[in-house]
Amino acid sequence: MSLTRLDTAGSLATPDELDLNRMSPAELEELAAPWPVRWLYRPGPGEPDRAVNLYAGGGGWDFGVRDVLRHDLNIVGVELHKDASATARAAGFSRIIADVRSLNPKHPALRWVRGLIVSAPCQCWSPAGKRAGQDPRNQDLLLDVFTMAFEATFGHWHDSGPCDGEGECLTCTDPDWDGFSGYTGPLLTLDEVRAPMAEMTDERIGLLAEVLIWSLTLTAQWDNLRWLAMEQSSALPETILDGIREELWSADWCSAEYRVLDAVDYGLASRRKRVFLVAARHAYVDIDALTPKAPMPATTATQALGWPEGIRVNTRGVRKTAGGNCWSADKPATGITSKIRGWYWEHGKDRTFSLDEAALLVGFRPGYPWTGSRSSCTQQIGNVVAPPMSAVVIGSLLSRPWEDRLRQYLTEIYNHAPIEPEHVLAA
């Protein structure tokens, strides 16, 4: 492994140009796989920026960018869940069915990627799960992985002149070293970076580290990545969020900020509190751009779904909890999870939610092509990033006008003919 390339952050290991013109279509397909062949080539004038969407799900981020923000991004999503991938494809979005960890962020097709979107599974952090991510030992391991991700991409900063320990430093002992200061380059493999994840009590905790593994690798390898948007449970500890920011700053990212947002404050008909981290490589993030200039209109579930007033929704049958087992549809709905498949009107147990109704509460138009069994579809709806929040976050990050477009979109989806009860699917 050569460590002679010392530089400031970015473009530490850019390979020689590939002569794509000499390759046959079959060779180009093989080289690009699983990414689009067109991604091997530099974007032409006027072409939309390219973005990779990790843990992309059924299309919340994509739909928010395309249909709410109405901004053109060339997004390719990576998603392991086959039904969620089928849903996204049916909606017109690109998906690679794969484990994020099985793909190489140094792939030549990723050379011109400008944006990275990451929504790792949140059950290990959320109160709805077992919260293994809150264990201090698991958090320490994750922070160690963050540090190792930097060592696997940029390495260490090496001062000019030789180290004190003669014969021990691989940089100093390299005969081609020019004696100047800079980053050493990769000191670990990505497999070595991920190795500590095996010691975590829930493997999903380590999936969060991909936000750094990918962003740091893309920065060091190609130096074309410009922005990052991450969504996660609002219960994600600040120590973890700060750890992500610190590694990005070490890689010369100009700005990285995070804020907890509740979608109900943006006109959604249900509560959906998430933390969003946004970062920019060569610009300062305006975190206040996430706040609307004027309050967004409040929307109740009754208004959104066209229901009569006075409906109460049972979420737990006869089982009682501290928070009760019902919520009033005359207010915004409680946070939508996969359990909505069994929710029903308190005064009429046969009246359950249709998929369109469940999806409306998280910001999708009726008719979105959810694919799979009812349980699979409601799981996708529970996991998805609400499209309005995608528009807010990406719009703010890319300085696109999101507020008026979001208001218009909410008016469109929440002023429709009520969905008739006979169209409601049985639980």
Protein backbone atom coordinates (compact mmCIF):
# COMPACT_ATOMS: atom_id res chain seq x y z
CA MET A 1 0.00 0.00 0.00
CA SER A 2 1.51 3.31 -1.06
CA LEU A 3 1.48 6.09 1.51
CA THR A 4 3.56 8.60 -0.41
CA ARG A 5 0.65 10.82 -1.52
CA LEU A 6 0.51 13.54 1.14
CA ASP A 7 -2.10 16.22 0.57
CA THR A 8 -4.85 18.24 2.15
CA ALA A 9 -8.19 16.50 2.57
CA GLY A 10 -9.66 15.21 -0.67
CA SER A 11 -8.47 13.44 -3.80
CA LEU A 12 -5.85 11.37 -2.00
CA ALA A 13 -6.00 8.36 -4.27
CA THR A 14 -7.61 9.31 -7.58
CA PRO A 15 -6.68 6.60 -10.13
CA ASP A 16 -5.63 7.20 -13.69
CA GLU A 17 -8.39 8.05 -16.16
CA LEU A 18 -10.13 5.01 -17.63
CA ASP A 19 -10.20 4.90 -21.40
CA LEU A 20 -13.93 4.32 -21.71
CA ASN A 21 -13.94 4.91 -25.45
CA ARG A 22 -12.01 1.71 -26.01
CA MET A 23 -14.51 -0.43 -24.10
CA SER A 24 -17.38 -2.38 -25.63
CA PRO A 25 -20.94 -1.95 -24.26
CA ALA A 26 -20.59 -5.29 -22.44
CA GLU A 27 -17.32 -4.19 -20.86
CA LEU A 28 -18.87 -0.89 -19.79
CA GLU A 29 -21.81 -2.72 -18.22
CA GLU A 30 -19.44 -4.98 -16.34
CA LEU A 31 -17.29 -2.08 -15.17
CA ALA A 32 -20.25 0.04 -14.04
CA ALA A 33 -22.29 -2.70 -12.35
CA PRO A 34 -24.35 -2.35 -10.27
CA TRP A 35 -24.39 1.39 -11.02
CA PRO A 36 -25.67 2.98 -14.26
CA VAL A 37 -23.20 2.97 -17.16
CA ARG A 38 -23.80 6.69 -17.70
CA TRP A 39 -22.32 7.32 -14.25
CA LEU A 40 -18.90 6.30 -15.56
CA TYR A 41 -18.84 9.50 -17.61
CA ARG A 42 -18.44 13.08 -16.46
CA PRO A 43 -21.86 14.82 -16.40
CA GLY A 44 -22.48 17.10 -19.35
CA PRO A 45 -23.56 20.74 -19.13
CA GLY A 46 -27.02 21.09 -17.62
CA GLU A 47 -27.22 17.49 -16.40
CA PRO A 48 -28.65 17.07 -12.87
CA ASP A 49 -26.27 16.35 -10.03
CA ARG A 50 -25.83 12.73 -9.03
CA ALA A 51 -26.65 11.51 -5.53
CA VAL A 52 -26.43 8.15 -3.77
CA ASN A 53 -29.25 7.28 -1.35
CA LEU A 54 -28.25 4.61 1.19
CA TYR A 55 -30.98 2.59 2.96
CA ALA A 56 -33.29 4.24 0.43
CA GLY A 57 -36.52 2.46 1.35
CA GLY A 58 -39.73 2.91 -0.60
CA GLY A 59 -38.98 6.37 -1.96
CA GLY A 60 -39.59 9.06 0.67
CA TRP A 61 -36.44 11.04 -0.06
CA ASP A 62 -36.83 10.60 -3.85
CA PHE A 63 -40.51 11.52 -3.91
CA GLY A 64 -39.93 14.60 -1.78
CA VAL A 65 -37.24 15.86 -4.14
CA ARG A 66 -39.12 15.09 -7.35
CA ASP A 67 -42.77 15.73 -6.49
CA VAL A 68 -42.70 18.18 -3.57
CA LEU A 69 -39.54 20.22 -4.13
CA ARG A 70 -39.76 19.67 -7.92
CA HIS A 71 -35.98 19.61 -8.18
CA ASP A 72 -34.09 17.41 -10.63
CA LEU A 73 -31.53 15.13 -8.98
CA ASN A 74 -30.13 11.95 -10.51
CA ILE A 75 -30.57 9.68 -7.47
CA VAL A 76 -29.67 6.00 -7.27
CA GLY A 77 -30.86 4.30 -4.10
CA VAL A 78 -29.43 1.25 -2.35
CA GLU A 79 -31.98 -0.85 -0.46
CA LEU A 80 -31.85 -4.48 0.73
CA HIS A 81 -35.62 -4.91 1.25
CA LYS A 82 -37.03 -6.30 -2.01
CA ASP A 83 -40.59 -5.03 -1.52
CA ALA A 84 -39.40 -1.52 -0.68
CA SER A 85 -37.18 -1.56 -3.75
CA ALA A 86 -40.09 -2.74 -5.90
CA THR A 87 -42.25 0.07 -4.50
CA ALA A 88 -39.61 2.67 -5.36
CA ARG A 89 -39.09 1.30 -8.85
CA ALA A 90 -42.85 1.28 -9.51
CA ALA A 91 -42.86 4.96 -8.51
CA GLY A 92 -40.15 5.68 -11.08
CA PHE A 93 -37.06 5.68 -8.85
CA SER A 94 -33.78 3.80 -9.31
CA ARG A 95 -32.84 1.06 -6.84
CA ILE A 96 -29.94 -1.33 -6.36
CA ILE A 97 -31.02 -4.28 -4.19
CA ALA A 98 -27.99 -4.84 -2.00
CA ASP A 99 -26.55 -4.59 1.49
CA VAL A 100 -24.90 -1.16 1.68
CA ARG A 101 -21.82 -2.79 3.20
CA SER A 102 -21.35 -5.04 0.17
CA LEU A 103 -20.78 -2.11 -2.21
CA ASN A 104 -17.49 -0.29 -2.71
CA PRO A 105 -17.62 3.51 -2.30
CA LYS A 106 -14.38 3.64 -4.34
CA HIS A 107 -16.24 2.32 -7.40
CA PRO A 108 -15.29 4.28 -10.56
CA ALA A 109 -18.97 4.93 -11.32
CA LEU A 110 -19.15 7.07 -8.17
CA ARG A 111 -16.47 9.48 -9.27
CA TRP A 112 -18.88 12.32 -10.10
CA VAL A 113 -21.35 11.85 -7.23
CA ARG A 114 -22.20 15.20 -5.62
CA GLY A 115 -24.65 14.23 -2.89
CA LEU A 116 -25.06 11.50 -0.28
CA ILE A 117 -28.32 10.70 1.52
CA VAL A 118 -28.34 8.22 4.41
CA SER A 119 -31.23 6.86 6.50
CA ALA A 120 -29.84 3.90 8.45
CA PRO A 121 -32.35 1.71 10.35
CA CYS A 122 -33.39 3.44 13.56
CA GLN A 123 -34.94 0.66 15.69
CA CYS A 124 -31.81 0.27 17.81
CA TRP A 125 -32.07 3.94 18.88
CA SER A 126 -35.82 4.49 18.99
CA PRO A 127 -38.03 3.92 22.07
CA ALA A 128 -40.12 1.70 19.76
CA GLY A 129 -37.21 -0.78 19.67
CA LYS A 130 -34.95 -2.34 22.30
CA ARG A 131 -32.65 0.71 22.29
CA ALA A 132 -29.41 -1.26 22.23
CA GLY A 133 -27.80 1.83 20.73
CA GLN A 134 -28.19 3.61 24.05
CA ASP A 135 -25.78 1.18 25.72
CA PRO A 136 -22.51 3.04 26.51
CA ARG A 137 -20.37 0.09 25.39
CA ASN A 138 -22.08 0.01 21.98
CA GLN A 139 -21.67 3.76 21.62
CA ASP A 140 -17.95 3.55 22.43
CA LEU A 141 -17.52 0.88 19.76
CA LEU A 142 -19.38 3.01 17.23
CA LEU A 143 -17.22 6.05 17.99
CA ASP A 144 -14.14 3.85 17.53
CA VAL A 145 -15.46 2.85 14.10
CA PHE A 146 -15.89 6.54 13.25
CA THR A 147 -12.23 7.16 14.05
CA MET A 148 -11.14 4.10 12.09
CA ALA A 149 -13.19 5.28 9.09
CA PHE A 150 -10.99 8.37 8.97
CA GLU A 151 -7.85 6.24 9.26
CA ALA A 152 -9.07 4.09 6.36
CA THR A 153 -9.57 7.10 4.09
CA PHE A 154 -7.29 9.99 5.06
CA GLY A 155 -5.05 8.26 7.57
CA HIS A 156 -3.11 10.63 9.83
CA TRP A 157 -1.72 14.08 9.40
CA HIS A 158 2.05 13.73 9.02
CA ASP A 159 4.15 16.79 9.87
CA SER A 160 7.05 17.80 7.68
CA GLY A 161 10.29 16.16 8.64
CA PRO A 162 10.80 12.62 9.95
CA CYS A 163 9.13 11.20 13.06
CA ASP A 164 11.04 10.71 16.31
CA GLY A 165 10.84 6.92 16.13
CA GLU A 166 13.41 6.08 13.48
CA GLY A 167 12.42 3.20 11.22
CA GLU A 168 8.88 2.89 12.60
CA CYS A 169 6.86 5.23 10.39
CA LEU A 170 5.86 3.88 6.98
CA THR A 171 5.79 7.41 5.60
CA CYS A 172 9.22 8.45 6.84
CA THR A 173 10.83 5.24 5.65
CA ASP A 174 9.33 5.46 2.15
CA PRO A 175 12.20 6.49 -0.17
CA ASP A 176 9.78 8.44 -2.39
CA TRP A 177 8.51 10.67 0.44
CA ASP A 178 9.16 14.32 -0.40
CA GLY A 179 9.38 15.47 3.22
CA PHE A 180 6.30 17.71 3.16
CA SER A 181 3.39 17.56 5.55
CA GLY A 182 -0.08 16.24 4.75
CA TYR A 183 -2.34 13.23 5.13
CA THR A 184 -0.73 9.82 4.87
CA GLY A 185 -3.62 8.21 3.01
CA PRO A 186 -5.40 4.93 3.91
CA LEU A 187 -3.97 3.01 6.84
CA LEU A 188 -6.82 0.47 7.23
CA THR A 189 -9.16 -1.46 4.97
CA LEU A 190 -12.92 -0.97 5.20
CA ASP A 191 -13.22 -4.54 6.47
CA GLU A 192 -10.94 -3.59 9.36
CA VAL A 193 -13.06 -0.51 10.00
CA ARG A 194 -16.23 -2.59 10.27
CA ALA A 195 -14.66 -5.34 12.40
CA PRO A 196 -15.63 -3.82 15.81
CA MET A 197 -19.29 -3.94 14.77
CA ALA A 198 -19.27 -7.67 15.50
CA GLU A 199 -18.90 -6.84 19.20
CA MET A 200 -22.07 -4.72 19.26
CA THR A 201 -25.17 -6.29 20.79
CA ASP A 202 -27.29 -5.21 17.81
CA GLU A 203 -25.68 -5.25 14.35
CA ARG A 204 -27.96 -2.42 13.21
CA ILE A 205 -26.03 0.00 15.41
CA GLY A 206 -23.02 -0.29 13.15
CA LEU A 207 -25.06 0.51 10.05
CA LEU A 208 -25.01 4.15 11.10
CA ALA A 209 -21.23 4.20 10.53
CA GLU A 210 -21.80 3.91 6.78
CA VAL A 211 -22.61 7.62 6.73
CA LEU A 212 -18.93 8.28 7.50
CA ILE A 213 -17.48 5.31 5.65
CA TRP A 214 -19.14 6.49 2.45
CA SER A 215 -18.80 10.24 2.86
CA LEU A 216 -15.13 10.08 3.87
CA THR A 217 -14.26 7.55 1.17
CA LEU A 218 -15.99 9.56 -1.55
CA THR A 219 -14.24 12.70 -0.32
CA ALA A 220 -10.78 11.13 -0.15
CA GLN A 221 -11.07 9.07 -3.32
CA TRP A 222 -12.68 11.55 -5.71
CA ASP A 223 -13.10 14.89 -3.92
CA ASN A 224 -16.34 15.60 -5.82
CA LEU A 225 -18.84 15.00 -3.01
CA ARG A 226 -20.42 18.32 -2.04
CA TRP A 227 -23.25 17.63 0.41
CA LEU A 228 -24.65 15.13 2.87
CA ALA A 229 -28.14 14.66 4.33
CA MET A 230 -28.75 12.13 7.11
CA GLU A 231 -32.02 11.19 8.83
CA GLN A 232 -32.23 9.22 12.05
CA SER A 233 -34.32 8.67 15.18
CA SER A 234 -34.63 11.76 17.35
CA ALA A 235 -33.32 9.57 20.18
CA LEU A 236 -29.88 9.34 18.55
CA PRO A 237 -27.44 10.58 21.24
CA GLU A 238 -25.72 13.90 20.66
CA THR A 239 -22.36 12.26 21.32
CA ILE A 240 -22.88 10.18 18.18
CA LEU A 241 -24.02 13.16 16.13
CA ASP A 242 -21.05 15.18 17.36
CA GLY A 243 -18.74 12.28 16.49
CA ILE A 244 -19.97 12.34 12.90
CA ARG A 245 -19.50 16.10 12.69
CA GLU A 246 -15.97 15.96 14.08
CA GLU A 247 -14.79 13.41 11.52
CA LEU A 248 -16.30 15.46 8.70
CA TRP A 249 -14.55 18.58 9.98
CA SER A 250 -11.28 16.64 10.13
CA ALA A 251 -11.79 15.83 6.44
CA ASP A 252 -12.04 19.56 5.68
CA TRP A 253 -15.81 19.62 5.35
CA CYS A 254 -16.75 23.25 5.84
CA SER A 255 -19.93 22.78 7.85
CA ALA A 256 -22.06 20.07 9.51
CA GLU A 257 -25.13 20.81 11.63
CA TYR A 258 -28.08 18.86 13.00
CA ARG A 259 -31.55 19.62 14.27
CA VAL A 260 -34.55 17.62 15.51
CA LEU A 261 -37.63 18.32 13.39
CA ASP A 262 -41.23 17.18 13.85
CA ALA A 263 -43.09 16.85 10.55
CA VAL A 264 -46.32 18.01 12.19
CA ASP A 265 -44.76 21.49 12.37
CA TYR A 266 -44.48 21.43 8.57
CA GLY A 267 -48.14 20.71 7.91
CA LEU A 268 -48.04 16.90 8.02
CA ALA A 269 -51.16 15.24 9.43
CA SER A 270 -49.12 13.08 11.82
CA ARG A 271 -46.29 13.50 14.26
CA ARG A 272 -42.93 12.29 12.99
CA LYS A 273 -39.97 13.51 15.01
CA ARG A 274 -36.55 12.83 13.49
CA VAL A 275 -33.06 14.28 13.71
CA PHE A 276 -31.54 15.52 10.45
CA LEU A 277 -27.83 16.12 9.99
CA VAL A 278 -26.84 18.25 6.99
CA ALA A 279 -23.30 18.96 5.87
CA ALA A 280 -21.59 20.86 3.07
CA ARG A 281 -18.05 20.37 1.75
CA HIS A 282 -17.32 23.90 0.55
CA ALA A 283 -20.07 26.06 2.08
CA TYR A 284 -21.61 26.88 5.43
CA VAL A 285 -24.90 25.14 6.16
CA ASP A 286 -27.72 27.55 6.98
CA ILE A 287 -29.49 25.47 9.61
CA ASP A 288 -32.11 28.21 10.07
CA ALA A 289 -33.21 27.65 6.47
CA LEU A 290 -35.02 24.58 7.84
CA THR A 291 -37.46 26.89 9.62
CA PRO A 292 -40.41 28.21 7.57
CA LYS A 293 -40.69 31.97 7.32
CA ALA A 294 -44.33 31.74 8.42
CA PRO A 295 -46.05 28.98 10.44
CA MET A 296 -47.25 26.09 8.31
CA PRO A 297 -51.00 25.31 8.46
CA ALA A 298 -51.90 22.66 11.01
CA THR A 299 -53.61 19.58 9.57
CA THR A 300 -55.64 17.09 11.57
CA ALA A 301 -56.11 13.47 10.59
CA THR A 302 -59.81 14.20 10.10
CA GLN A 303 -59.05 16.96 7.64
CA ALA A 304 -56.40 14.97 5.80
CA LEU A 305 -58.51 11.83 5.41
CA GLY A 306 -61.93 13.45 4.94
CA TRP A 307 -63.37 11.69 7.97
CA PRO A 308 -66.32 12.90 10.06
CA GLU A 309 -65.41 14.65 13.29
CA GLY A 310 -65.32 12.77 16.58
CA ILE A 311 -63.46 9.65 15.40
CA ARG A 312 -61.09 8.04 17.87
CA VAL A 313 -58.53 5.53 16.64
CA ASN A 314 -57.63 2.47 18.69
CA THR A 315 -53.98 1.42 18.38
CA ARG A 316 -53.64 -1.32 20.99
CA GLY A 317 -56.97 -3.10 21.34
CA VAL A 318 -57.86 -3.57 25.00
CA ARG A 319 -54.24 -3.26 26.14
CA LYS A 320 -53.72 -0.10 28.16
CA THR A 321 -50.49 1.88 28.37
CA ALA A 322 -49.44 5.06 30.15
CA GLY A 323 -50.23 6.99 26.98
CA GLY A 324 -53.57 5.29 26.47
CA ASN A 325 -54.64 3.11 23.56
CA CYS A 326 -56.51 5.69 21.46
CA TRP A 327 -55.94 9.02 19.75
CA SER A 328 -58.40 11.58 18.46
CA ALA A 329 -58.51 12.04 14.70
CA ASP A 330 -59.52 15.65 15.33
CA LYS A 331 -55.84 16.24 16.06
CA PRO A 332 -52.75 15.25 14.06
CA ALA A 333 -52.21 11.51 14.22
CA THR A 334 -49.72 9.95 16.56
CA GLY A 335 -46.47 8.79 14.96
CA ILE A 336 -47.23 6.28 12.20
CA THR A 337 -45.51 2.91 12.54
CA SER A 338 -45.98 -0.47 10.90
CA LYS A 339 -48.59 -1.21 13.59
CA ILE A 340 -51.09 0.96 11.70
CA ARG A 341 -52.06 -2.23 9.88
CA GLY A 342 -54.12 -3.14 12.98
CA TRP A 343 -55.46 0.29 14.00
CA TYR A 344 -59.22 0.82 13.79
CA TRP A 345 -62.05 3.19 14.63
CA GLU A 346 -62.89 2.79 18.30
CA HIS A 347 -66.62 2.63 17.65
CA GLY A 348 -66.27 0.33 14.63
CA LYS A 349 -63.59 -2.37 14.74
CA ASP A 350 -64.12 -3.31 11.10
CA ARG A 351 -63.08 0.18 9.97
CA THR A 352 -59.31 -0.05 9.56
CA PHE A 353 -56.87 2.07 7.58
CA SER A 354 -56.29 1.64 3.87
CA LEU A 355 -52.75 1.92 2.59
CA ASP A 356 -53.67 5.22 0.93
CA GLU A 357 -54.92 6.59 4.25
CA ALA A 358 -51.81 5.46 6.13
CA ALA A 359 -49.58 6.94 3.43
CA LEU A 360 -51.49 10.24 3.35
CA LEU A 361 -50.72 10.73 7.02
CA VAL A 362 -46.98 10.65 6.23
CA GLY A 363 -47.27 12.83 3.13
CA PHE A 364 -47.78 10.61 0.07
CA ARG A 365 -50.44 11.13 -2.58
CA PRO A 366 -53.20 8.48 -2.86
CA GLY A 367 -52.27 5.80 -5.36
CA TYR A 368 -48.59 5.51 -4.47
CA PRO A 369 -47.60 1.99 -5.66
CA TRP A 370 -46.88 0.21 -2.38
CA THR A 371 -45.76 -3.33 -3.20
CA GLY A 372 -45.96 -6.51 -1.13
CA SER A 373 -48.21 -7.87 1.58
CA ARG A 374 -50.19 -5.52 3.79
CA SER A 375 -47.68 -6.05 6.62
CA SER A 376 -44.77 -5.31 4.28
CA CYS A 377 -46.45 -2.18 2.93
CA THR A 378 -47.28 -0.77 6.37
CA GLN A 379 -43.70 -1.47 7.45
CA GLN A 380 -42.48 0.55 4.46
CA ILE A 381 -44.85 3.39 5.38
CA GLY A 382 -43.67 3.30 8.99
CA ASN A 383 -40.00 3.39 7.99
CA VAL A 384 -40.11 5.88 5.13
CA VAL A 385 -38.83 9.45 5.30
CA ALA A 386 -41.85 11.75 5.00
CA PRO A 387 -41.66 13.40 1.54
CA PRO A 388 -42.42 16.89 2.92
CA MET A 389 -39.40 16.61 5.20
CA SER A 390 -37.25 15.46 2.28
CA ALA A 391 -38.25 18.64 0.45
CA VAL A 392 -37.47 20.80 3.47
CA VAL A 393 -34.05 19.26 4.15
CA ILE A 394 -32.79 18.92 0.57
CA GLY A 395 -34.29 22.27 -0.39
CA SER A 396 -32.56 24.01 2.51
CA LEU A 397 -29.27 22.26 1.85
CA LEU A 398 -29.26 23.08 -1.88
CA SER A 399 -30.75 26.57 -1.47
CA ARG A 400 -33.88 25.62 -3.36
CA PRO A 401 -37.22 27.37 -2.61
CA TRP A 402 -39.10 24.73 -0.62
CA GLU A 403 -41.66 26.60 1.48
CA ASP A 404 -44.20 27.70 -1.16
CA ARG A 405 -43.87 24.38 -2.98
CA LEU A 406 -44.52 22.46 0.22
CA ARG A 407 -47.62 24.54 0.99
CA GLN A 408 -48.94 23.91 -2.51
CA TYR A 409 -48.26 20.18 -2.26
CA LEU A 410 -50.00 19.83 1.12
CA THR A 411 -53.02 21.67 -0.26
CA GLU A 412 -53.13 19.21 -3.16
CA ILE A 413 -52.98 16.02 -1.11
CA TYR A 414 -55.12 17.11 1.84
CA ASN A 415 -57.98 18.58 -0.21
CA HIS A 416 -59.31 15.53 -1.98
CA ALA A 417 -62.45 13.41 -2.08
CA PRO A 418 -62.70 11.19 1.02
CA ILE A 419 -61.61 7.59 0.55
CA GLU A 420 -64.73 5.46 0.72
CA PRO A 421 -64.88 2.82 3.49
CA GLU A 422 -65.43 -0.01 1.00
CA HIS A 423 -61.95 0.70 -0.36
CA VAL A 424 -60.41 0.08 3.04
CA LEU A 425 -58.47 -3.16 3.30
CA ALA A 426 -59.22 -5.57 6.11
CA ALA A 427 -56.47 -6.04 8.68
